[in-house]
Amino acid sequence: MKEKINEAIRTYFVLVTLITILLLVLGTAFDGDRTFSYEAFISPLFYAAIGIIPGFFLGSDRELPMKKLLLRNFIELFLIEAIVLIIAVTADSVPTERKEVVVGIAVGIVIVYVLTIVVEYIFEFNNSQMLNEALLKYQETDTEMKN
């Protein structure tokens, strides 16, 4: 559970960063005239929280085969898309009457989701490299001590 919480925290902050960039791009492209109050800073935090929720329900403690991993990722993406688009459509502050805004949000969610997976992969890859190096050093030290 501790590992799952650490992963969720790491994912949360990656999502906050990527969502902030997405909001900057979408806001500049579709609603550049608007001025925001400090309340606008809450939305990336809120949307990132939505983004980590499916990981708690759909996550697995064991390694999944590629097909199941892709299926899980697709379901997570679908849930996140649905939740965020429902919130966007019901919010008065998002101009969803313009179709390009809805398409921009939907495409942006996919891009953020894919980038988050890539960043997570890089973190995991670096961790596994460090563990492998530490294991090799341990094995070399252990072999030298036995000789």
N, C-alpha and C. Protein backbone atom coordinates (compact mmCIF):
# COMPACT_ATOMS: atom_id res chain seq x y z
N MET A 1 0.82 -1.19 0.00
CA MET A 1 0.00 0.00 0.00
C MET A 1 0.87 1.26 0.00
N LYS A 2 1.98 1.21 0.75
CA LYS A 2 2.87 2.37 0.82
C LYS A 2 3.43 2.68 -0.57
N GLU A 3 3.80 1.63 -1.31
CA GLU A 3 4.33 1.82 -2.66
C GLU A 3 3.27 2.41 -3.58
N LYS A 4 2.04 1.95 -3.44
CA LYS A 4 0.94 2.46 -4.26
C LYS A 4 0.69 3.95 -3.96
N ILE A 5 0.77 4.34 -2.71
CA ILE A 5 0.58 5.74 -2.34
C ILE A 5 1.72 6.59 -2.88
N ASN A 6 2.96 6.10 -2.77
CA ASN A 6 4.11 6.84 -3.32
C ASN A 6 3.97 7.02 -4.83
N GLU A 7 3.53 5.98 -5.51
CA GLU A 7 3.33 6.07 -6.96
C GLU A 7 2.22 7.06 -7.29
N ALA A 8 1.16 7.05 -6.50
CA ALA A 8 0.04 7.98 -6.72
C ALA A 8 0.50 9.42 -6.52
N ILE A 9 1.32 9.67 -5.52
CA ILE A 9 1.82 11.02 -5.27
C ILE A 9 2.70 11.47 -6.43
N ARG A 10 3.58 10.61 -6.88
CA ARG A 10 4.44 10.95 -8.02
C ARG A 10 3.61 11.22 -9.27
N THR A 11 2.65 10.36 -9.53
CA THR A 11 1.77 10.55 -10.68
C THR A 11 0.97 11.84 -10.55
N TYR A 12 0.51 12.12 -9.35
CA TYR A 12 -0.28 13.33 -9.11
C TYR A 12 0.51 14.58 -9.51
N PHE A 13 1.76 14.67 -9.09
CA PHE A 13 2.53 15.86 -9.41
C PHE A 13 2.93 15.94 -10.87
N VAL A 14 3.13 14.80 -11.51
CA VAL A 14 3.35 14.80 -12.96
C VAL A 14 2.09 15.31 -13.65
N LEU A 15 0.94 14.82 -13.21
CA LEU A 15 -0.33 15.26 -13.80
C LEU A 15 -0.58 16.75 -13.58
N VAL A 16 -0.30 17.26 -12.39
CA VAL A 16 -0.50 18.68 -12.13
C VAL A 16 0.32 19.51 -13.12
N THR A 17 1.57 19.13 -13.31
CA THR A 17 2.42 19.86 -14.24
C THR A 17 1.88 19.80 -15.66
N LEU A 18 1.56 18.61 -16.13
CA LEU A 18 1.08 18.45 -17.50
C LEU A 18 -0.28 19.11 -17.71
N ILE A 19 -1.16 19.03 -16.73
CA ILE A 19 -2.48 19.65 -16.85
C ILE A 19 -2.34 21.17 -16.86
N THR A 20 -1.43 21.71 -16.08
CA THR A 20 -1.20 23.15 -16.08
C THR A 20 -0.75 23.61 -17.47
N ILE A 21 0.15 22.86 -18.08
CA ILE A 21 0.59 23.19 -19.44
C ILE A 21 -0.58 23.08 -20.41
N LEU A 22 -1.38 22.02 -20.29
CA LEU A 22 -2.55 21.84 -21.15
C LEU A 22 -3.53 23.01 -21.01
N LEU A 23 -3.81 23.42 -19.77
CA LEU A 23 -4.73 24.53 -19.56
C LEU A 23 -4.17 25.82 -20.16
N LEU A 24 -2.87 26.01 -20.06
CA LEU A 24 -2.25 27.19 -20.68
C LEU A 24 -2.46 27.16 -22.19
N VAL A 25 -2.20 26.02 -22.81
CA VAL A 25 -2.34 25.91 -24.27
C VAL A 25 -3.80 26.08 -24.69
N LEU A 26 -4.71 25.33 -24.05
CA LEU A 26 -6.13 25.42 -24.42
C LEU A 26 -6.70 26.80 -24.12
N GLY A 27 -6.34 27.37 -22.98
CA GLY A 27 -6.84 28.68 -22.63
C GLY A 27 -6.36 29.76 -23.59
N THR A 28 -5.09 29.67 -23.97
CA THR A 28 -4.55 30.64 -24.92
C THR A 28 -5.20 30.48 -26.29
N ALA A 29 -5.42 29.25 -26.70
CA ALA A 29 -5.97 28.99 -28.03
C ALA A 29 -7.46 29.32 -28.13
N PHE A 30 -8.23 29.00 -27.11
CA PHE A 30 -9.68 29.11 -27.23
C PHE A 30 -10.33 30.20 -26.38
N ASP A 31 -9.62 30.73 -25.41
CA ASP A 31 -10.24 31.70 -24.51
C ASP A 31 -9.20 32.71 -24.02
N GLY A 32 -8.40 33.22 -24.94
CA GLY A 32 -7.27 34.07 -24.61
C GLY A 32 -7.63 35.42 -24.01
N ASP A 33 -8.86 35.88 -24.19
CA ASP A 33 -9.26 37.19 -23.69
C ASP A 33 -9.55 37.18 -22.19
N ARG A 34 -9.83 36.03 -21.65
CA ARG A 34 -10.28 35.92 -20.26
C ARG A 34 -9.13 36.20 -19.29
N THR A 35 -9.46 36.85 -18.22
CA THR A 35 -8.51 37.01 -17.12
C THR A 35 -8.99 36.13 -15.98
N PHE A 36 -8.04 35.54 -15.30
CA PHE A 36 -8.37 34.57 -14.26
C PHE A 36 -8.06 35.13 -12.89
N SER A 37 -8.77 34.64 -11.91
CA SER A 37 -8.45 34.95 -10.52
C SER A 37 -7.54 33.85 -10.00
N TYR A 38 -7.16 33.97 -8.76
CA TYR A 38 -6.29 32.96 -8.17
C TYR A 38 -7.00 31.62 -8.03
N GLU A 39 -8.30 31.60 -8.12
CA GLU A 39 -9.05 30.35 -8.05
C GLU A 39 -8.73 29.43 -9.22
N ALA A 40 -8.21 29.99 -10.31
CA ALA A 40 -7.85 29.18 -11.47
C ALA A 40 -6.73 28.19 -11.15
N PHE A 41 -5.95 28.47 -10.14
CA PHE A 41 -4.85 27.58 -9.78
C PHE A 41 -5.33 26.27 -9.16
N ILE A 42 -6.57 26.21 -8.74
CA ILE A 42 -7.10 25.00 -8.11
C ILE A 42 -7.43 23.93 -9.13
N SER A 43 -7.77 24.31 -10.35
CA SER A 43 -8.23 23.31 -11.32
C SER A 43 -7.19 22.25 -11.66
N PRO A 44 -5.90 22.56 -11.87
CA PRO A 44 -4.94 21.47 -12.13
C PRO A 44 -4.84 20.50 -10.95
N LEU A 45 -4.93 21.02 -9.73
CA LEU A 45 -4.88 20.15 -8.55
C LEU A 45 -6.09 19.23 -8.52
N PHE A 46 -7.25 19.78 -8.84
CA PHE A 46 -8.49 19.01 -8.84
C PHE A 46 -8.48 17.94 -9.95
N TYR A 47 -8.10 18.34 -11.17
CA TYR A 47 -8.09 17.38 -12.28
C TYR A 47 -7.03 16.30 -12.10
N ALA A 48 -5.91 16.64 -11.49
CA ALA A 48 -4.88 15.63 -11.22
C ALA A 48 -5.40 14.61 -10.20
N ALA A 49 -6.15 15.08 -9.22
CA ALA A 49 -6.75 14.15 -8.25
C ALA A 49 -7.70 13.19 -8.95
N ILE A 50 -8.47 13.70 -9.89
CA ILE A 50 -9.35 12.83 -10.68
C ILE A 50 -8.52 11.81 -11.46
N GLY A 51 -7.37 12.25 -11.96
CA GLY A 51 -6.53 11.38 -12.77
C GLY A 51 -5.91 10.21 -12.03
N ILE A 52 -5.73 10.34 -10.71
CA ILE A 52 -5.11 9.22 -9.98
C ILE A 52 -6.14 8.27 -9.37
N ILE A 53 -7.39 8.69 -9.30
CA ILE A 53 -8.42 7.84 -8.68
C ILE A 53 -8.56 6.48 -9.37
N PRO A 54 -8.65 6.40 -10.72
CA PRO A 54 -8.79 5.07 -11.33
C PRO A 54 -7.63 4.12 -11.02
N GLY A 55 -6.44 4.65 -10.78
CA GLY A 55 -5.29 3.81 -10.45
C GLY A 55 -5.48 3.03 -9.16
N PHE A 56 -6.23 3.59 -8.22
CA PHE A 56 -6.48 2.89 -6.96
C PHE A 56 -7.46 1.74 -7.15
N PHE A 57 -8.42 1.92 -8.06
CA PHE A 57 -9.43 0.89 -8.26
C PHE A 57 -9.02 -0.14 -9.30
N LEU A 58 -8.26 0.29 -10.29
CA LEU A 58 -7.89 -0.61 -11.38
C LEU A 58 -6.45 -1.11 -11.26
N GLY A 59 -5.70 -0.61 -10.29
CA GLY A 59 -4.30 -0.99 -10.15
C GLY A 59 -4.15 -2.45 -9.75
N SER A 60 -2.96 -2.96 -10.02
CA SER A 60 -2.67 -4.34 -9.70
C SER A 60 -1.32 -4.42 -9.01
N ASP A 61 -1.20 -5.31 -8.03
CA ASP A 61 0.06 -5.46 -7.32
C ASP A 61 1.04 -6.34 -8.08
N ARG A 62 0.55 -7.08 -9.03
CA ARG A 62 1.43 -7.94 -9.82
C ARG A 62 1.56 -7.41 -11.24
N GLU A 63 2.57 -7.87 -11.90
CA GLU A 63 2.80 -7.41 -13.27
C GLU A 63 1.76 -8.05 -14.20
N LEU A 64 1.19 -7.22 -15.05
CA LEU A 64 0.13 -7.69 -15.95
C LEU A 64 0.69 -8.02 -17.32
N PRO A 65 0.08 -9.00 -18.00
CA PRO A 65 0.45 -9.23 -19.39
C PRO A 65 0.10 -7.99 -20.23
N MET A 66 0.73 -7.86 -21.37
CA MET A 66 0.58 -6.65 -22.19
C MET A 66 -0.88 -6.37 -22.55
N LYS A 67 -1.65 -7.39 -22.92
CA LYS A 67 -3.05 -7.18 -23.30
C LYS A 67 -3.86 -6.63 -22.13
N LYS A 68 -3.66 -7.18 -20.94
CA LYS A 68 -4.40 -6.72 -19.77
C LYS A 68 -3.95 -5.32 -19.36
N LEU A 69 -2.67 -5.03 -19.51
CA LEU A 69 -2.17 -3.70 -19.20
C LEU A 69 -2.76 -2.66 -20.15
N LEU A 70 -2.81 -2.98 -21.44
CA LEU A 70 -3.41 -2.05 -22.41
C LEU A 70 -4.90 -1.87 -22.15
N LEU A 71 -5.59 -2.95 -21.81
CA LEU A 71 -7.01 -2.86 -21.49
C LEU A 71 -7.24 -1.99 -20.26
N ARG A 72 -6.42 -2.20 -19.22
CA ARG A 72 -6.54 -1.39 -18.02
C ARG A 72 -6.28 0.09 -18.32
N ASN A 73 -5.25 0.36 -19.12
CA ASN A 73 -4.95 1.74 -19.49
C ASN A 73 -6.10 2.36 -20.28
N PHE A 74 -6.69 1.60 -21.19
CA PHE A 74 -7.82 2.10 -21.97
C PHE A 74 -9.01 2.41 -21.07
N ILE A 75 -9.29 1.54 -20.12
CA ILE A 75 -10.41 1.77 -19.19
C ILE A 75 -10.13 3.00 -18.33
N GLU A 76 -8.89 3.13 -17.83
CA GLU A 76 -8.53 4.31 -17.04
C GLU A 76 -8.72 5.58 -17.86
N LEU A 77 -8.22 5.58 -19.09
CA LEU A 77 -8.35 6.75 -19.95
C LEU A 77 -9.82 7.08 -20.21
N PHE A 78 -10.62 6.06 -20.48
CA PHE A 78 -12.05 6.27 -20.72
C PHE A 78 -12.72 6.90 -19.50
N LEU A 79 -12.42 6.37 -18.31
CA LEU A 79 -13.02 6.91 -17.09
C LEU A 79 -12.61 8.37 -16.85
N ILE A 80 -11.32 8.65 -17.04
CA ILE A 80 -10.82 10.01 -16.85
C ILE A 80 -11.47 10.95 -17.85
N GLU A 81 -11.51 10.54 -19.12
CA GLU A 81 -12.16 11.35 -20.17
C GLU A 81 -13.61 11.65 -19.79
N ALA A 82 -14.33 10.60 -19.38
CA ALA A 82 -15.75 10.77 -19.06
C ALA A 82 -15.94 11.72 -17.90
N ILE A 83 -15.19 11.53 -16.83
CA ILE A 83 -15.35 12.37 -15.65
C ILE A 83 -15.01 13.83 -15.96
N VAL A 84 -13.88 14.05 -16.61
CA VAL A 84 -13.45 15.42 -16.89
C VAL A 84 -14.40 16.10 -17.87
N LEU A 85 -14.84 15.39 -18.90
CA LEU A 85 -15.76 16.00 -19.87
C LEU A 85 -17.12 16.30 -19.24
N ILE A 86 -17.58 15.44 -18.35
CA ILE A 86 -18.85 15.72 -17.65
C ILE A 86 -18.70 16.97 -16.79
N ILE A 87 -17.58 17.07 -16.09
CA ILE A 87 -17.34 18.27 -15.27
C ILE A 87 -17.24 19.51 -16.16
N ALA A 88 -16.53 19.40 -17.27
CA ALA A 88 -16.35 20.55 -18.16
C ALA A 88 -17.68 21.01 -18.75
N VAL A 89 -18.51 20.06 -19.16
CA VAL A 89 -19.80 20.40 -19.76
C VAL A 89 -20.74 21.03 -18.74
N THR A 90 -20.67 20.58 -17.50
CA THR A 90 -21.57 21.13 -16.48
C THR A 90 -21.04 22.41 -15.84
N ALA A 91 -19.77 22.71 -16.04
CA ALA A 91 -19.19 23.93 -15.45
C ALA A 91 -19.54 25.15 -16.30
N ASP A 92 -19.89 26.22 -15.64
CA ASP A 92 -20.21 27.46 -16.35
C ASP A 92 -18.96 28.14 -16.89
N SER A 93 -17.82 27.86 -16.30
CA SER A 93 -16.59 28.57 -16.67
C SER A 93 -15.91 28.02 -17.91
N VAL A 94 -16.32 26.85 -18.39
CA VAL A 94 -15.70 26.24 -19.57
C VAL A 94 -16.64 26.42 -20.76
N PRO A 95 -16.17 27.07 -21.83
CA PRO A 95 -17.05 27.33 -22.99
C PRO A 95 -17.24 26.09 -23.87
N THR A 96 -17.95 25.10 -23.34
CA THR A 96 -18.14 23.83 -24.06
C THR A 96 -19.19 23.93 -25.16
N GLU A 97 -19.83 25.09 -25.30
CA GLU A 97 -20.76 25.24 -26.42
C GLU A 97 -20.00 25.29 -27.74
N ARG A 98 -18.72 25.58 -27.66
CA ARG A 98 -17.86 25.56 -28.85
C ARG A 98 -17.25 24.16 -28.97
N LYS A 99 -17.53 23.49 -30.07
CA LYS A 99 -17.10 22.10 -30.27
C LYS A 99 -15.59 21.95 -30.21
N GLU A 100 -14.85 22.96 -30.72
CA GLU A 100 -13.39 22.84 -30.73
C GLU A 100 -12.82 22.83 -29.31
N VAL A 101 -13.52 23.43 -28.37
CA VAL A 101 -13.07 23.40 -26.98
C VAL A 101 -13.20 21.98 -26.43
N VAL A 102 -14.34 21.34 -26.69
CA VAL A 102 -14.56 19.97 -26.21
C VAL A 102 -13.54 19.03 -26.85
N VAL A 103 -13.32 19.18 -28.15
CA VAL A 103 -12.32 18.34 -28.84
C VAL A 103 -10.93 18.61 -28.27
N GLY A 104 -10.61 19.87 -28.02
CA GLY A 104 -9.32 20.23 -27.44
C GLY A 104 -9.12 19.60 -26.08
N ILE A 105 -10.16 19.63 -25.25
CA ILE A 105 -10.07 19.01 -23.92
C ILE A 105 -9.86 17.51 -24.06
N ALA A 106 -10.66 16.86 -24.92
CA ALA A 106 -10.56 15.41 -25.09
C ALA A 106 -9.18 15.00 -25.60
N VAL A 107 -8.69 15.70 -26.61
CA VAL A 107 -7.36 15.38 -27.16
C VAL A 107 -6.28 15.68 -26.12
N GLY A 108 -6.44 16.79 -25.41
CA GLY A 108 -5.48 17.15 -24.37
C GLY A 108 -5.39 16.10 -23.28
N ILE A 109 -6.53 15.53 -22.89
CA ILE A 109 -6.54 14.48 -21.87
C ILE A 109 -5.76 13.28 -22.35
N VAL A 110 -5.95 12.90 -23.60
CA VAL A 110 -5.21 11.75 -24.16
C VAL A 110 -3.71 12.04 -24.15
N ILE A 111 -3.33 13.24 -24.58
CA ILE A 111 -1.91 13.60 -24.61
C ILE A 111 -1.31 13.58 -23.21
N VAL A 112 -2.01 14.18 -22.24
CA VAL A 112 -1.52 14.18 -20.86
C VAL A 112 -1.42 12.76 -20.33
N TYR A 113 -2.40 11.92 -20.63
CA TYR A 113 -2.39 10.53 -20.16
C TYR A 113 -1.18 9.78 -20.73
N VAL A 114 -0.95 9.92 -22.03
CA VAL A 114 0.18 9.23 -22.67
C VAL A 114 1.50 9.76 -22.12
N LEU A 115 1.63 11.07 -21.97
CA LEU A 115 2.86 11.64 -21.43
C LEU A 115 3.10 11.19 -19.99
N THR A 116 2.03 11.05 -19.23
CA THR A 116 2.17 10.56 -17.86
C THR A 116 2.69 9.13 -17.85
N ILE A 117 2.19 8.30 -18.74
CA ILE A 117 2.67 6.92 -18.84
C ILE A 117 4.15 6.91 -19.22
N VAL A 118 4.54 7.77 -20.14
CA VAL A 118 5.95 7.84 -20.56
C VAL A 118 6.83 8.27 -19.40
N VAL A 119 6.42 9.30 -18.67
CA VAL A 119 7.20 9.77 -17.52
C VAL A 119 7.29 8.68 -16.46
N GLU A 120 6.18 8.01 -16.18
CA GLU A 120 6.19 6.90 -15.22
C GLU A 120 7.14 5.79 -15.67
N TYR A 121 7.13 5.49 -16.95
CA TYR A 121 8.03 4.46 -17.49
C TYR A 121 9.49 4.87 -17.26
N ILE A 122 9.80 6.14 -17.50
CA ILE A 122 11.17 6.62 -17.31
C ILE A 122 11.57 6.49 -15.84
N PHE A 123 10.66 6.87 -14.91
CA PHE A 123 10.94 6.70 -13.48
C PHE A 123 11.21 5.24 -13.15
N GLU A 124 10.33 4.37 -13.61
CA GLU A 124 10.46 2.94 -13.31
C GLU A 124 11.74 2.36 -13.93
N PHE A 125 12.05 2.77 -15.14
CA PHE A 125 13.26 2.30 -15.80
C PHE A 125 14.50 2.71 -15.02
N ASN A 126 14.54 3.97 -14.59
CA ASN A 126 15.68 4.45 -13.81
C ASN A 126 15.79 3.71 -12.48
N ASN A 127 14.66 3.47 -11.82
CA ASN A 127 14.68 2.70 -10.57
C ASN A 127 15.20 1.29 -10.78
N SER A 128 14.76 0.65 -11.85
CA SER A 128 15.21 -0.72 -12.10
C SER A 128 16.70 -0.75 -12.44
N GLN A 129 17.19 0.27 -13.16
CA GLN A 129 18.62 0.35 -13.46
C GLN A 129 19.43 0.48 -12.17
N MET A 130 18.99 1.34 -11.27
CA MET A 130 19.69 1.51 -10.00
C MET A 130 19.67 0.23 -9.17
N LEU A 131 18.54 -0.45 -9.13
CA LEU A 131 18.46 -1.71 -8.40
C LEU A 131 19.37 -2.77 -9.00
N ASN A 132 19.39 -2.85 -10.33
CA ASN A 132 20.27 -3.83 -10.99
C ASN A 132 21.74 -3.54 -10.71
N GLU A 133 22.12 -2.27 -10.75
CA GLU A 133 23.50 -1.90 -10.45
C GLU A 133 23.86 -2.23 -9.00
N ALA A 134 22.96 -1.94 -8.08
CA ALA A 134 23.20 -2.26 -6.68
C ALA A 134 23.31 -3.76 -6.46
N LEU A 135 22.49 -4.52 -7.15
CA LEU A 135 22.54 -5.97 -7.04
C LEU A 135 23.86 -6.51 -7.59
N LEU A 136 24.30 -5.98 -8.72
CA LEU A 136 25.59 -6.41 -9.28
C LEU A 136 26.74 -6.10 -8.33
N LYS A 137 26.74 -4.92 -7.74
CA LYS A 137 27.79 -4.55 -6.77
C LYS A 137 27.76 -5.48 -5.57
N TYR A 138 26.56 -5.78 -5.10
CA TYR A 138 26.42 -6.67 -3.96
C TYR A 138 26.96 -8.07 -4.30
N GLN A 139 26.61 -8.56 -5.49
CA GLN A 139 27.08 -9.88 -5.90
C GLN A 139 28.59 -9.90 -6.04
N GLU A 140 29.18 -8.84 -6.59
CA GLU A 140 30.64 -8.77 -6.74
C GLU A 140 31.31 -8.73 -5.37
N THR A 141 30.77 -7.95 -4.46
CA THR A 141 31.33 -7.86 -3.11
C THR A 141 31.20 -9.18 -2.38
N ASP A 142 30.05 -9.82 -2.52
CA ASP A 142 29.81 -11.10 -1.87
C ASP A 142 30.77 -12.16 -2.41
N THR A 143 31.01 -12.17 -3.73
CA THR A 143 31.92 -13.14 -4.34
C THR A 143 33.35 -12.89 -3.87
N GLU A 144 33.77 -11.62 -3.79
CA GLU A 144 35.12 -11.29 -3.33
C GLU A 144 35.32 -11.69 -1.88
N MET A 145 34.30 -11.54 -1.05
CA MET A 145 34.42 -11.90 0.37
C MET A 145 34.54 -13.40 0.56
N LYS A 146 33.89 -14.16 -0.31
CA LYS A 146 33.95 -15.62 -0.21
C LYS A 146 35.29 -16.15 -0.67
N ASN A 147 35.97 -15.43 -1.57
CA ASN A 147 37.26 -15.90 -2.08
C ASN A 147 38.33 -15.50 -1.14
